[in-house]
Amino acid sequence: MLASVIFDLDGTLLDTLQDLADASNQVLLNQNFPTHTTESYKLFVGQGLQHLIKQIVPPGTDNRIVEKCRADFEEIYSKIWNRNCCPYRGINDMLSALAKMGVRMGVLSNKPHSFTLPFTDEFFPNRPFEIVLGQREGFARKPNPDVALDIAKVLGSTPENTFFVGDSGVDMQTAANSGMRSIGVTWGFRTEAELIENGAERIINHPKELLNYVISPS
């Protein structure tokens, strides 16, 4: 039986780092706050927008300013989100191969849902995913397992027959909390050490490697 697959988005399917950094740094410049290097944003993203904003503003920033920065980010990012973004090399070929095999796929991101859908529509127009969900009000974000389990049900899969594929410790924790099988990817934002420390069952260095596990998930 073929396994189903749930993918993280940023750092797993798409390289979104530069646009996230550019939007965030513009927010900081608007407040006359110090900016951060693009590389440093690899550690700031992955746990939702509110977490990102709190990480990048100076410690002790008033909550009203934090909320202003969040609103500014949404406005700025909505204009530049696809300026530099692109799928990682090999992702489209991997997704096409999985689709031809009949593998059912979904996406779960901590990116706001209003941004997540445009990304998959823009960069994966053939829509290999049956369900795409970002962070929504009233729903706990990863690593809470609830939404991942809901996606598995939509895919007609049990947790033990579902792979959760991501580039961060949060993704590996989500897999563990959901009873799913975790695959960490090394081409994204976080380190292999972080993936292993958070329980990655498998580590892959190229998208095509995922095919071997889906074909023979034991």
N, C-alpha and C. Protein backbone atom coordinates (compact mmCIF):
# COMPACT_ATOMS: atom_id res chain seq x y z
N MET A 1 0.85 -1.20 0.00
CA MET A 1 0.00 0.00 0.00
C MET A 1 0.88 1.25 0.00
N LEU A 2 0.57 2.21 -0.88
CA LEU A 2 1.32 3.45 -0.93
C LEU A 2 1.00 4.31 0.28
N ALA A 3 2.01 4.93 0.83
CA ALA A 3 1.79 5.87 1.93
C ALA A 3 1.31 7.21 1.38
N SER A 4 0.62 7.97 2.22
CA SER A 4 0.29 9.35 1.89
C SER A 4 1.38 10.26 2.44
N VAL A 5 1.43 11.48 1.92
CA VAL A 5 2.50 12.41 2.31
C VAL A 5 1.93 13.78 2.63
N ILE A 6 2.32 14.31 3.77
CA ILE A 6 2.02 15.71 4.11
C ILE A 6 3.33 16.47 4.12
N PHE A 7 3.36 17.57 3.39
CA PHE A 7 4.57 18.38 3.28
C PHE A 7 4.43 19.68 4.06
N ASP A 8 5.51 20.07 4.69
CA ASP A 8 5.69 21.46 5.10
C ASP A 8 5.90 22.29 3.83
N LEU A 9 5.79 23.60 3.91
CA LEU A 9 5.92 24.45 2.73
C LEU A 9 7.27 25.17 2.68
N ASP A 10 7.47 26.16 3.56
CA ASP A 10 8.70 26.96 3.55
C ASP A 10 9.89 26.11 3.96
N GLY A 11 10.92 26.11 3.15
CA GLY A 11 12.12 25.35 3.47
C GLY A 11 12.03 23.88 3.11
N THR A 12 10.88 23.45 2.63
CA THR A 12 10.69 22.06 2.25
C THR A 12 10.33 21.96 0.77
N LEU A 13 9.26 22.60 0.36
CA LEU A 13 8.88 22.64 -1.04
C LEU A 13 9.42 23.90 -1.73
N LEU A 14 9.39 25.01 -1.00
CA LEU A 14 9.74 26.30 -1.60
C LEU A 14 10.83 27.01 -0.80
N ASP A 15 11.73 27.66 -1.52
CA ASP A 15 12.74 28.53 -0.90
C ASP A 15 12.14 29.93 -0.82
N THR A 16 11.60 30.26 0.31
CA THR A 16 10.92 31.54 0.54
C THR A 16 11.76 32.52 1.34
N LEU A 17 12.99 32.16 1.64
CA LEU A 17 13.76 32.88 2.65
C LEU A 17 14.00 34.34 2.29
N GLN A 18 14.44 34.62 1.08
CA GLN A 18 14.82 35.99 0.73
C GLN A 18 13.65 36.96 0.84
N ASP A 19 12.50 36.54 0.36
CA ASP A 19 11.34 37.42 0.41
C ASP A 19 10.85 37.62 1.85
N LEU A 20 10.92 36.58 2.65
CA LEU A 20 10.57 36.72 4.07
C LEU A 20 11.52 37.70 4.76
N ALA A 21 12.81 37.57 4.47
CA ALA A 21 13.80 38.46 5.08
C ALA A 21 13.61 39.90 4.61
N ASP A 22 13.37 40.08 3.33
CA ASP A 22 13.20 41.43 2.79
C ASP A 22 11.98 42.12 3.41
N ALA A 23 10.86 41.39 3.50
CA ALA A 23 9.65 41.97 4.07
C ALA A 23 9.86 42.29 5.55
N SER A 24 10.48 41.37 6.26
CA SER A 24 10.70 41.57 7.69
C SER A 24 11.63 42.75 7.95
N ASN A 25 12.70 42.85 7.17
CA ASN A 25 13.64 43.94 7.38
C ASN A 25 13.03 45.29 7.02
N GLN A 26 12.12 45.31 6.05
CA GLN A 26 11.43 46.57 5.74
C GLN A 26 10.54 46.99 6.90
N VAL A 27 9.90 46.02 7.53
CA VAL A 27 9.11 46.30 8.73
C VAL A 27 9.98 46.93 9.80
N LEU A 28 11.15 46.37 10.01
CA LEU A 28 12.05 46.89 11.04
C LEU A 28 12.55 48.29 10.69
N LEU A 29 12.89 48.50 9.43
CA LEU A 29 13.33 49.82 9.00
C LEU A 29 12.25 50.87 9.21
N ASN A 30 10.99 50.47 9.00
CA ASN A 30 9.89 51.42 9.20
C ASN A 30 9.80 51.89 10.65
N GLN A 31 10.31 51.08 11.57
CA GLN A 31 10.29 51.43 12.99
C GLN A 31 11.65 51.92 13.48
N ASN A 32 12.59 52.07 12.57
CA ASN A 32 13.97 52.44 12.93
C ASN A 32 14.61 51.41 13.86
N PHE A 33 14.23 50.15 13.67
CA PHE A 33 14.83 49.04 14.42
C PHE A 33 15.98 48.45 13.61
N PRO A 34 16.95 47.83 14.27
CA PRO A 34 18.02 47.15 13.54
C PRO A 34 17.46 45.99 12.70
N THR A 35 18.08 45.74 11.56
CA THR A 35 17.67 44.64 10.70
C THR A 35 18.54 43.41 10.98
N HIS A 36 18.22 42.31 10.30
CA HIS A 36 18.93 41.05 10.48
C HIS A 36 19.41 40.54 9.12
N THR A 37 20.43 39.70 9.14
CA THR A 37 20.91 39.10 7.90
C THR A 37 19.87 38.11 7.38
N THR A 38 19.91 37.90 6.08
CA THR A 38 19.00 36.92 5.49
C THR A 38 19.19 35.55 6.11
N GLU A 39 20.42 35.15 6.34
CA GLU A 39 20.70 33.84 6.90
C GLU A 39 20.07 33.66 8.28
N SER A 40 20.04 34.73 9.06
CA SER A 40 19.50 34.61 10.41
C SER A 40 18.01 34.30 10.42
N TYR A 41 17.32 34.62 9.33
CA TYR A 41 15.88 34.35 9.27
C TYR A 41 15.57 32.86 9.22
N LYS A 42 16.56 32.04 8.91
CA LYS A 42 16.34 30.60 8.96
C LYS A 42 15.92 30.14 10.35
N LEU A 43 16.38 30.86 11.37
CA LEU A 43 16.04 30.51 12.74
C LEU A 43 14.78 31.21 13.24
N PHE A 44 14.35 32.25 12.55
CA PHE A 44 13.19 33.02 13.00
C PHE A 44 11.87 32.46 12.48
N VAL A 45 11.89 31.85 11.29
CA VAL A 45 10.65 31.41 10.66
C VAL A 45 10.32 29.97 11.06
N GLY A 46 9.08 29.59 10.83
CA GLY A 46 8.68 28.21 11.04
C GLY A 46 7.68 27.98 12.15
N GLN A 47 7.46 29.01 12.98
CA GLN A 47 6.51 28.84 14.09
C GLN A 47 5.39 29.87 14.04
N GLY A 48 5.11 30.35 12.84
CA GLY A 48 4.00 31.28 12.67
C GLY A 48 4.46 32.74 12.65
N LEU A 49 3.57 33.59 12.14
CA LEU A 49 3.90 35.00 11.95
C LEU A 49 4.12 35.74 13.26
N GLN A 50 3.28 35.49 14.25
CA GLN A 50 3.45 36.19 15.53
C GLN A 50 4.81 35.89 16.14
N HIS A 51 5.22 34.63 16.06
CA HIS A 51 6.53 34.25 16.58
C HIS A 51 7.65 34.96 15.81
N LEU A 52 7.51 35.02 14.50
CA LEU A 52 8.51 35.70 13.67
C LEU A 52 8.68 37.15 14.11
N ILE A 53 7.58 37.85 14.24
CA ILE A 53 7.66 39.27 14.59
C ILE A 53 8.30 39.46 15.96
N LYS A 54 7.93 38.63 16.91
CA LYS A 54 8.50 38.77 18.25
C LYS A 54 9.99 38.45 18.27
N GLN A 55 10.43 37.59 17.36
CA GLN A 55 11.84 37.26 17.28
C GLN A 55 12.68 38.38 16.70
N ILE A 56 12.12 39.14 15.76
CA ILE A 56 12.95 40.11 15.03
C ILE A 56 12.96 41.49 15.65
N VAL A 57 11.93 41.85 16.42
CA VAL A 57 11.94 43.17 17.04
C VAL A 57 12.84 43.17 18.27
N PRO A 58 13.32 44.32 18.70
CA PRO A 58 14.17 44.37 19.89
C PRO A 58 13.44 43.85 21.12
N PRO A 59 14.18 43.20 22.03
CA PRO A 59 13.56 42.71 23.27
C PRO A 59 12.86 43.84 24.01
N GLY A 60 11.70 43.54 24.56
CA GLY A 60 10.96 44.53 25.33
C GLY A 60 10.10 45.47 24.50
N THR A 61 10.00 45.22 23.20
CA THR A 61 9.17 46.08 22.35
C THR A 61 7.71 46.04 22.81
N ASP A 62 7.10 47.20 22.91
CA ASP A 62 5.71 47.30 23.34
C ASP A 62 4.80 46.47 22.44
N ASN A 63 3.80 45.81 23.05
CA ASN A 63 2.91 44.94 22.29
C ASN A 63 2.17 45.67 21.18
N ARG A 64 1.89 46.95 21.38
CA ARG A 64 1.21 47.71 20.34
C ARG A 64 2.11 47.87 19.11
N ILE A 65 3.40 48.02 19.36
CA ILE A 65 4.34 48.11 18.25
C ILE A 65 4.49 46.75 17.57
N VAL A 66 4.49 45.69 18.35
CA VAL A 66 4.57 44.34 17.79
C VAL A 66 3.40 44.10 16.84
N GLU A 67 2.19 44.49 17.26
CA GLU A 67 1.01 44.30 16.41
C GLU A 67 1.08 45.16 15.17
N LYS A 68 1.64 46.38 15.32
CA LYS A 68 1.81 47.25 14.15
C LYS A 68 2.78 46.60 13.16
N CYS A 69 3.85 46.02 13.68
CA CYS A 69 4.83 45.35 12.83
C CYS A 69 4.20 44.15 12.12
N ARG A 70 3.36 43.43 12.82
CA ARG A 70 2.69 42.28 12.21
C ARG A 70 1.81 42.74 11.04
N ALA A 71 1.05 43.79 11.26
CA ALA A 71 0.18 44.30 10.20
C ALA A 71 1.01 44.82 9.02
N ASP A 72 2.10 45.51 9.32
CA ASP A 72 2.97 46.01 8.26
C ASP A 72 3.57 44.86 7.46
N PHE A 73 3.97 43.80 8.16
CA PHE A 73 4.53 42.64 7.46
C PHE A 73 3.52 42.07 6.48
N GLU A 74 2.29 41.88 6.92
CA GLU A 74 1.28 41.30 6.03
C GLU A 74 1.08 42.16 4.78
N GLU A 75 1.10 43.47 4.96
CA GLU A 75 0.92 44.36 3.81
C GLU A 75 2.12 44.29 2.87
N ILE A 76 3.32 44.35 3.43
CA ILE A 76 4.53 44.34 2.60
C ILE A 76 4.73 42.99 1.92
N TYR A 77 4.57 41.92 2.70
CA TYR A 77 4.80 40.58 2.15
C TYR A 77 3.81 40.25 1.04
N SER A 78 2.60 40.76 1.16
CA SER A 78 1.58 40.49 0.14
C SER A 78 1.97 41.04 -1.22
N LYS A 79 2.93 41.99 -1.23
CA LYS A 79 3.36 42.61 -2.49
C LYS A 79 4.63 41.99 -3.06
N ILE A 80 5.40 41.28 -2.22
CA ILE A 80 6.71 40.79 -2.70
C ILE A 80 6.91 39.29 -2.48
N TRP A 81 5.87 38.58 -2.06
CA TRP A 81 6.01 37.19 -1.64
C TRP A 81 6.58 36.28 -2.73
N ASN A 82 6.38 36.63 -3.99
CA ASN A 82 6.85 35.77 -5.09
C ASN A 82 7.99 36.40 -5.89
N ARG A 83 8.66 37.38 -5.29
CA ARG A 83 9.72 38.07 -6.01
C ARG A 83 10.93 37.17 -6.23
N ASN A 84 11.33 36.45 -5.21
CA ASN A 84 12.50 35.56 -5.31
C ASN A 84 12.18 34.09 -5.07
N CYS A 85 11.01 33.81 -4.58
CA CYS A 85 10.61 32.46 -4.20
C CYS A 85 10.63 31.51 -5.40
N CYS A 86 11.01 30.27 -5.14
CA CYS A 86 10.98 29.24 -6.19
C CYS A 86 11.02 27.87 -5.52
N PRO A 87 10.52 26.83 -6.22
CA PRO A 87 10.66 25.48 -5.68
C PRO A 87 12.13 25.07 -5.63
N TYR A 88 12.48 24.28 -4.64
CA TYR A 88 13.83 23.74 -4.60
C TYR A 88 14.04 22.80 -5.79
N ARG A 89 15.29 22.68 -6.21
CA ARG A 89 15.62 21.82 -7.34
C ARG A 89 15.19 20.39 -7.07
N GLY A 90 14.47 19.82 -8.00
CA GLY A 90 14.03 18.44 -7.89
C GLY A 90 12.64 18.27 -7.29
N ILE A 91 12.08 19.33 -6.73
CA ILE A 91 10.76 19.23 -6.10
C ILE A 91 9.67 18.91 -7.12
N ASN A 92 9.63 19.63 -8.22
CA ASN A 92 8.57 19.40 -9.21
C ASN A 92 8.64 17.99 -9.79
N ASP A 93 9.83 17.51 -10.05
CA ASP A 93 9.97 16.15 -10.57
C ASP A 93 9.49 15.13 -9.54
N MET A 94 9.82 15.36 -8.29
CA MET A 94 9.40 14.46 -7.22
C MET A 94 7.88 14.44 -7.09
N LEU A 95 7.26 15.63 -7.10
CA LEU A 95 5.81 15.70 -6.97
C LEU A 95 5.12 15.03 -8.15
N SER A 96 5.66 15.23 -9.35
CA SER A 96 5.07 14.59 -10.54
C SER A 96 5.15 13.08 -10.44
N ALA A 97 6.28 12.58 -9.96
CA ALA A 97 6.45 11.14 -9.82
C ALA A 97 5.49 10.57 -8.79
N LEU A 98 5.32 11.26 -7.67
CA LEU A 98 4.39 10.79 -6.65
C LEU A 98 2.96 10.78 -7.18
N ALA A 99 2.60 11.84 -7.91
CA ALA A 99 1.25 11.92 -8.46
C ALA A 99 0.98 10.78 -9.44
N LYS A 100 1.96 10.46 -10.28
CA LYS A 100 1.80 9.37 -11.25
C LYS A 100 1.66 8.02 -10.55
N MET A 101 2.27 7.91 -9.38
CA MET A 101 2.17 6.68 -8.60
C MET A 101 0.83 6.57 -7.88
N GLY A 102 0.08 7.65 -7.84
CA GLY A 102 -1.19 7.65 -7.14
C GLY A 102 -1.09 8.01 -5.68
N VAL A 103 0.04 8.57 -5.27
CA VAL A 103 0.21 8.98 -3.88
C VAL A 103 -0.64 10.21 -3.60
N ARG A 104 -1.36 10.18 -2.50
CA ARG A 104 -2.19 11.32 -2.12
C ARG A 104 -1.37 12.25 -1.22
N MET A 105 -1.46 13.55 -1.50
CA MET A 105 -0.57 14.52 -0.86
C MET A 105 -1.32 15.73 -0.33
N GLY A 106 -0.79 16.31 0.74
CA GLY A 106 -1.31 17.54 1.30
C GLY A 106 -0.18 18.42 1.78
N VAL A 107 -0.51 19.64 2.17
CA VAL A 107 0.46 20.61 2.69
C VAL A 107 -0.07 21.17 4.00
N LEU A 108 0.81 21.27 4.99
CA LEU A 108 0.48 21.92 6.26
C LEU A 108 1.61 22.87 6.62
N SER A 109 1.28 24.15 6.75
CA SER A 109 2.27 25.18 7.03
C SER A 109 1.86 26.00 8.24
N ASN A 110 2.83 26.56 8.93
CA ASN A 110 2.55 27.55 9.97
C ASN A 110 2.48 28.96 9.39
N LYS A 111 2.69 29.10 8.10
CA LYS A 111 2.47 30.38 7.42
C LYS A 111 0.96 30.67 7.45
N PRO A 112 0.55 31.93 7.60
CA PRO A 112 -0.88 32.23 7.57
C PRO A 112 -1.56 31.62 6.34
N HIS A 113 -2.76 31.11 6.54
CA HIS A 113 -3.47 30.41 5.47
C HIS A 113 -3.67 31.31 4.25
N SER A 114 -3.88 32.60 4.51
CA SER A 114 -4.11 33.53 3.39
C SER A 114 -2.90 33.66 2.48
N PHE A 115 -1.71 33.33 2.98
CA PHE A 115 -0.51 33.32 2.15
C PHE A 115 -0.23 31.92 1.59
N THR A 116 -0.54 30.89 2.37
CA THR A 116 -0.19 29.53 1.97
C THR A 116 -0.84 29.14 0.65
N LEU A 117 -2.13 29.41 0.49
CA LEU A 117 -2.83 29.02 -0.73
C LEU A 117 -2.26 29.69 -1.98
N PRO A 118 -2.00 31.00 -1.96
CA PRO A 118 -1.41 31.61 -3.16
C PRO A 118 -0.06 31.00 -3.56
N PHE A 119 0.72 30.56 -2.58
CA PHE A 119 2.01 29.94 -2.89
C PHE A 119 1.81 28.65 -3.67
N THR A 120 0.93 27.80 -3.20
CA THR A 120 0.74 26.53 -3.90
C THR A 120 0.07 26.74 -5.25
N ASP A 121 -0.83 27.72 -5.34
CA ASP A 121 -1.46 28.01 -6.63
C ASP A 121 -0.45 28.54 -7.65
N GLU A 122 0.46 29.38 -7.18
CA GLU A 122 1.42 30.02 -8.08
C GLU A 122 2.50 29.05 -8.53
N PHE A 123 3.05 28.29 -7.60
CA PHE A 123 4.24 27.50 -7.93
C PHE A 123 3.94 26.04 -8.24
N PHE A 124 2.73 25.60 -7.92
CA PHE A 124 2.33 24.23 -8.24
C PHE A 124 0.94 24.26 -8.89
N PRO A 125 0.86 24.86 -10.08
CA PRO A 125 -0.45 25.09 -10.72
C PRO A 125 -1.20 23.81 -11.07
N ASN A 126 -0.50 22.70 -11.19
CA ASN A 126 -1.18 21.44 -11.49
C ASN A 126 -1.87 20.84 -10.28
N ARG A 127 -1.69 21.47 -9.13
CA ARG A 127 -2.38 21.11 -7.90
C ARG A 127 -2.27 19.63 -7.55
N PRO A 128 -1.05 19.15 -7.28
CA PRO A 128 -0.92 17.76 -6.87
C PRO A 128 -1.43 17.51 -5.46
N PHE A 129 -1.77 18.59 -4.74
CA PHE A 129 -2.17 18.46 -3.34
C PHE A 129 -3.69 18.46 -3.22
N GLU A 130 -4.21 17.51 -2.47
CA GLU A 130 -5.66 17.44 -2.28
C GLU A 130 -6.14 18.44 -1.24
N ILE A 131 -5.27 18.81 -0.33
CA ILE A 131 -5.63 19.76 0.71
C ILE A 131 -4.40 20.57 1.10
N VAL A 132 -4.57 21.87 1.23
CA VAL A 132 -3.50 22.80 1.60
C VAL A 132 -4.01 23.68 2.74
N LEU A 133 -3.32 23.63 3.87
CA LEU A 133 -3.74 24.41 5.02
C LEU A 133 -2.56 25.15 5.63
N GLY A 134 -2.78 26.43 5.90
CA GLY A 134 -1.83 27.23 6.66
C GLY A 134 -2.41 27.50 8.04
N GLN A 135 -1.76 28.38 8.78
CA GLN A 135 -2.22 28.73 10.11
C GLN A 135 -3.53 29.51 10.01
N ARG A 136 -4.55 29.01 10.71
CA ARG A 136 -5.87 29.64 10.72
C ARG A 136 -6.27 29.98 12.14
N GLU A 137 -7.01 31.06 12.29
CA GLU A 137 -7.48 31.47 13.60
C GLU A 137 -8.36 30.38 14.19
N GLY A 138 -8.09 30.04 15.44
CA GLY A 138 -8.88 29.03 16.11
C GLY A 138 -8.32 27.63 16.00
N PHE A 139 -7.25 27.47 15.24
CA PHE A 139 -6.60 26.16 15.09
C PHE A 139 -5.17 26.26 15.58
N ALA A 140 -4.76 25.29 16.38
CA ALA A 140 -3.39 25.29 16.91
C ALA A 140 -2.40 25.03 15.79
N ARG A 141 -1.26 25.71 15.84
CA ARG A 141 -0.24 25.52 14.82
C ARG A 141 0.64 24.31 15.16
N LYS A 142 1.40 23.86 14.17
CA LYS A 142 2.39 22.82 14.43
C LYS A 142 3.32 23.27 15.57
N PRO A 143 3.72 22.35 16.45
CA PRO A 143 3.67 20.89 16.36
C PRO A 143 2.42 20.24 16.93
N ASN A 144 1.37 21.01 17.25
CA ASN A 144 0.11 20.39 17.64
C ASN A 144 -0.33 19.46 16.51
N PRO A 145 -0.80 18.25 16.83
CA PRO A 145 -1.09 17.26 15.80
C PRO A 145 -2.46 17.37 15.16
N ASP A 146 -3.35 18.19 15.69
CA ASP A 146 -4.75 18.12 15.29
C ASP A 146 -4.98 18.32 13.79
N VAL A 147 -4.39 19.37 13.23
CA VAL A 147 -4.64 19.65 11.81
C VAL A 147 -3.96 18.62 10.92
N ALA A 148 -2.78 18.15 11.33
CA ALA A 148 -2.12 17.10 10.56
C ALA A 148 -2.98 15.84 10.51
N LEU A 149 -3.61 15.50 11.62
CA LEU A 149 -4.49 14.34 11.65
C LEU A 149 -5.73 14.56 10.79
N ASP A 150 -6.24 15.79 10.78
CA ASP A 150 -7.38 16.10 9.91
C ASP A 150 -7.01 15.93 8.44
N ILE A 151 -5.80 16.36 8.08
CA ILE A 151 -5.35 16.21 6.70
C ILE A 151 -5.23 14.74 6.33
N ALA A 152 -4.68 13.93 7.23
CA ALA A 152 -4.56 12.49 6.96
C ALA A 152 -5.92 11.87 6.67
N LYS A 153 -6.94 12.29 7.41
CA LYS A 153 -8.28 11.77 7.16
C LYS A 153 -8.77 12.14 5.77
N VAL A 154 -8.51 13.39 5.36
CA VAL A 154 -8.90 13.81 4.01
C VAL A 154 -8.20 12.97 2.96
N LEU A 155 -6.95 12.62 3.23
CA LEU A 155 -6.16 11.82 2.29
C LEU A 155 -6.53 10.33 2.35
N GLY A 156 -7.43 9.97 3.26
CA GLY A 156 -7.83 8.59 3.39
C GLY A 156 -6.74 7.70 3.96
N SER A 157 -5.91 8.30 4.81
CA SER A 157 -4.73 7.60 5.32
C SER A 157 -4.76 7.53 6.84
N THR A 158 -4.18 6.47 7.39
CA THR A 158 -3.97 6.39 8.82
C THR A 158 -2.68 7.10 9.18
N PRO A 159 -2.53 7.54 10.42
CA PRO A 159 -1.28 8.21 10.81
C PRO A 159 -0.05 7.36 10.53
N GLU A 160 -0.11 6.07 10.83
CA GLU A 160 1.05 5.22 10.65
C GLU A 160 1.39 4.98 9.19
N ASN A 161 0.47 5.33 8.29
CA ASN A 161 0.75 5.19 6.87
C ASN A 161 0.89 6.55 6.20
N THR A 162 1.23 7.55 7.00
CA THR A 162 1.40 8.91 6.50
C THR A 162 2.80 9.40 6.83
N PHE A 163 3.49 9.92 5.83
CA PHE A 163 4.79 10.56 6.04
C PHE A 163 4.58 12.06 6.24
N PHE A 164 5.24 12.62 7.25
CA PHE A 164 5.28 14.07 7.40
C PHE A 164 6.69 14.51 7.02
N VAL A 165 6.78 15.35 5.99
CA VAL A 165 8.07 15.74 5.42
C VAL A 165 8.31 17.22 5.70
N GLY A 166 9.44 17.54 6.34
CA GLY A 166 9.72 18.93 6.64
C GLY A 166 11.19 19.18 6.92
N ASP A 167 11.51 20.44 7.12
CA ASP A 167 12.92 20.83 7.28
C ASP A 167 13.27 21.29 8.68
N SER A 168 12.34 21.17 9.63
CA SER A 168 12.60 21.75 10.95
C SER A 168 12.24 20.78 12.07
N GLY A 169 12.73 21.12 13.26
CA GLY A 169 12.38 20.36 14.43
C GLY A 169 10.89 20.38 14.69
N VAL A 170 10.25 21.50 14.42
CA VAL A 170 8.80 21.60 14.60
C VAL A 170 8.08 20.57 13.73
N ASP A 171 8.55 20.37 12.51
CA ASP A 171 7.93 19.37 11.62
C ASP A 171 8.13 17.96 12.16
N MET A 172 9.31 17.67 12.67
CA MET A 172 9.56 16.35 13.22
C MET A 172 8.72 16.12 14.48
N GLN A 173 8.54 17.15 15.28
CA GLN A 173 7.69 17.04 16.47
C GLN A 173 6.24 16.82 16.06
N THR A 174 5.81 17.48 15.00
CA THR A 174 4.45 17.30 14.50
C THR A 174 4.21 15.86 14.10
N ALA A 175 5.18 15.28 13.40
CA ALA A 175 5.06 13.88 13.00
C ALA A 175 4.95 12.99 14.23
N ALA A 176 5.82 13.20 15.21
CA ALA A 176 5.81 12.37 16.42
C ALA A 176 4.49 12.52 17.18
N ASN A 177 4.02 13.75 17.32
CA ASN A 177 2.78 13.99 18.05
C ASN A 177 1.57 13.40 17.34
N SER A 178 1.68 13.25 16.02
CA SER A 178 0.57 12.74 15.21
C SER A 178 0.63 11.23 15.03
N GLY A 179 1.73 10.61 15.44
CA GLY A 179 1.91 9.19 15.18
C GLY A 179 2.25 8.90 13.73
N MET A 180 2.79 9.92 13.04
CA MET A 180 3.17 9.78 11.64
C MET A 180 4.65 9.49 11.50
N ARG A 181 5.07 9.15 10.32
CA ARG A 181 6.47 8.82 10.05
C ARG A 181 7.17 10.08 9.56
N SER A 182 8.27 10.40 10.18
CA SER A 182 8.93 11.69 9.92
C SER A 182 10.11 11.54 8.96
N ILE A 183 10.16 12.47 8.00
CA ILE A 183 11.30 12.56 7.09
C ILE A 183 11.80 13.99 7.11
N GLY A 184 13.05 14.17 7.50
CA GLY A 184 13.66 15.49 7.52
C GLY A 184 14.46 15.75 6.26
N VAL A 185 14.33 16.95 5.71
CA VAL A 185 15.06 17.31 4.49
C VAL A 185 16.18 18.28 4.84
N THR A 186 17.33 18.10 4.19
CA THR A 186 18.51 18.89 4.55
C THR A 186 18.71 20.12 3.68
N TRP A 187 17.85 20.33 2.68
CA TRP A 187 18.05 21.48 1.78
C TRP A 187 17.33 22.74 2.26
N GLY A 188 16.67 22.66 3.41
CA GLY A 188 15.85 23.78 3.86
C GLY A 188 16.55 24.74 4.79
N PHE A 189 15.79 25.23 5.78
CA PHE A 189 16.27 26.32 6.63
C PHE A 189 17.05 25.86 7.86
N ARG A 190 16.81 24.62 8.30
CA ARG A 190 17.40 24.18 9.55
C ARG A 190 18.44 23.09 9.31
N THR A 191 19.14 22.71 10.38
CA THR A 191 20.26 21.80 10.25
C THR A 191 19.83 20.34 10.39
N GLU A 192 20.67 19.46 9.87
CA GLU A 192 20.42 18.03 10.04
C GLU A 192 20.42 17.66 11.53
N ALA A 193 21.30 18.30 12.30
CA ALA A 193 21.36 18.02 13.73
C ALA A 193 20.02 18.32 14.40
N GLU A 194 19.40 19.43 14.04
CA GLU A 194 18.10 19.77 14.62
C GLU A 194 17.06 18.71 14.28
N LEU A 195 17.08 18.25 13.03
CA LEU A 195 16.12 17.24 12.61
C LEU A 195 16.29 15.95 13.42
N ILE A 196 17.52 15.53 13.57
CA ILE A 196 17.80 14.30 14.32
C ILE A 196 17.42 14.45 15.79
N GLU A 197 17.77 15.60 16.37
CA GLU A 197 17.47 15.84 17.78
C GLU A 197 15.97 15.81 18.05
N ASN A 198 15.18 16.12 17.04
CA ASN A 198 13.73 16.16 17.20
C ASN A 198 13.04 14.92 16.64
N GLY A 199 13.82 13.87 16.44
CA GLY A 199 13.22 12.57 16.18
C GLY A 199 13.01 12.17 14.74
N ALA A 200 13.72 12.81 13.79
CA ALA A 200 13.55 12.42 12.39
C ALA A 200 13.88 10.94 12.21
N GLU A 201 12.95 10.19 11.61
CA GLU A 201 13.20 8.77 11.36
C GLU A 201 14.11 8.57 10.16
N ARG A 202 13.97 9.47 9.19
CA ARG A 202 14.79 9.41 7.99
C ARG A 202 15.27 10.82 7.65
N ILE A 203 16.45 10.90 7.07
CA ILE A 203 16.99 12.16 6.57
C ILE A 203 17.23 11.99 5.08
N ILE A 204 16.76 12.94 4.27
CA ILE A 204 17.02 12.87 2.83
C ILE A 204 17.71 14.16 2.39
N ASN A 205 18.58 14.01 1.38
CA ASN A 205 19.37 15.13 0.88
C ASN A 205 18.92 15.61 -0.49
N HIS A 206 18.00 14.88 -1.11
CA HIS A 206 17.47 15.27 -2.42
C HIS A 206 16.03 14.79 -2.51
N PRO A 207 15.14 15.59 -3.12
CA PRO A 207 13.73 15.19 -3.19
C PRO A 207 13.47 13.80 -3.74
N LYS A 208 14.26 13.37 -4.72
CA LYS A 208 14.00 12.06 -5.34
C LYS A 208 14.14 10.92 -4.33
N GLU A 209 14.89 11.12 -3.25
CA GLU A 209 15.06 10.08 -2.25
C GLU A 209 13.74 9.73 -1.56
N LEU A 210 12.81 10.67 -1.55
CA LEU A 210 11.52 10.41 -0.90
C LEU A 210 10.77 9.28 -1.58
N LEU A 211 10.94 9.15 -2.88
CA LEU A 211 10.21 8.13 -3.64
C LEU A 211 10.47 6.74 -3.10
N ASN A 212 11.70 6.45 -2.70
CA ASN A 212 12.04 5.12 -2.22
C ASN A 212 11.24 4.75 -0.97
N TYR A 213 11.02 5.71 -0.08
CA TYR A 213 10.32 5.42 1.15
C TYR A 213 8.82 5.29 0.93
N VAL A 214 8.28 6.06 0.01
CA VAL A 214 6.85 5.98 -0.27
C VAL A 214 6.51 4.67 -0.96
N ILE A 215 7.39 4.22 -1.85
CA ILE A 215 7.17 2.96 -2.53
C ILE A 215 7.26 1.79 -1.56
N SER A 216 8.27 1.84 -0.69
CA SER A 216 8.47 0.77 0.29
C SER A 216 8.58 1.38 1.68
N PRO A 217 7.44 1.71 2.28
CA PRO A 217 7.44 2.49 3.53
C PRO A 217 7.87 1.69 4.75
N SER A 218 8.13 0.42 4.64
CA SER A 218 8.49 -0.36 5.84
C SER A 218 9.90 -0.03 6.31
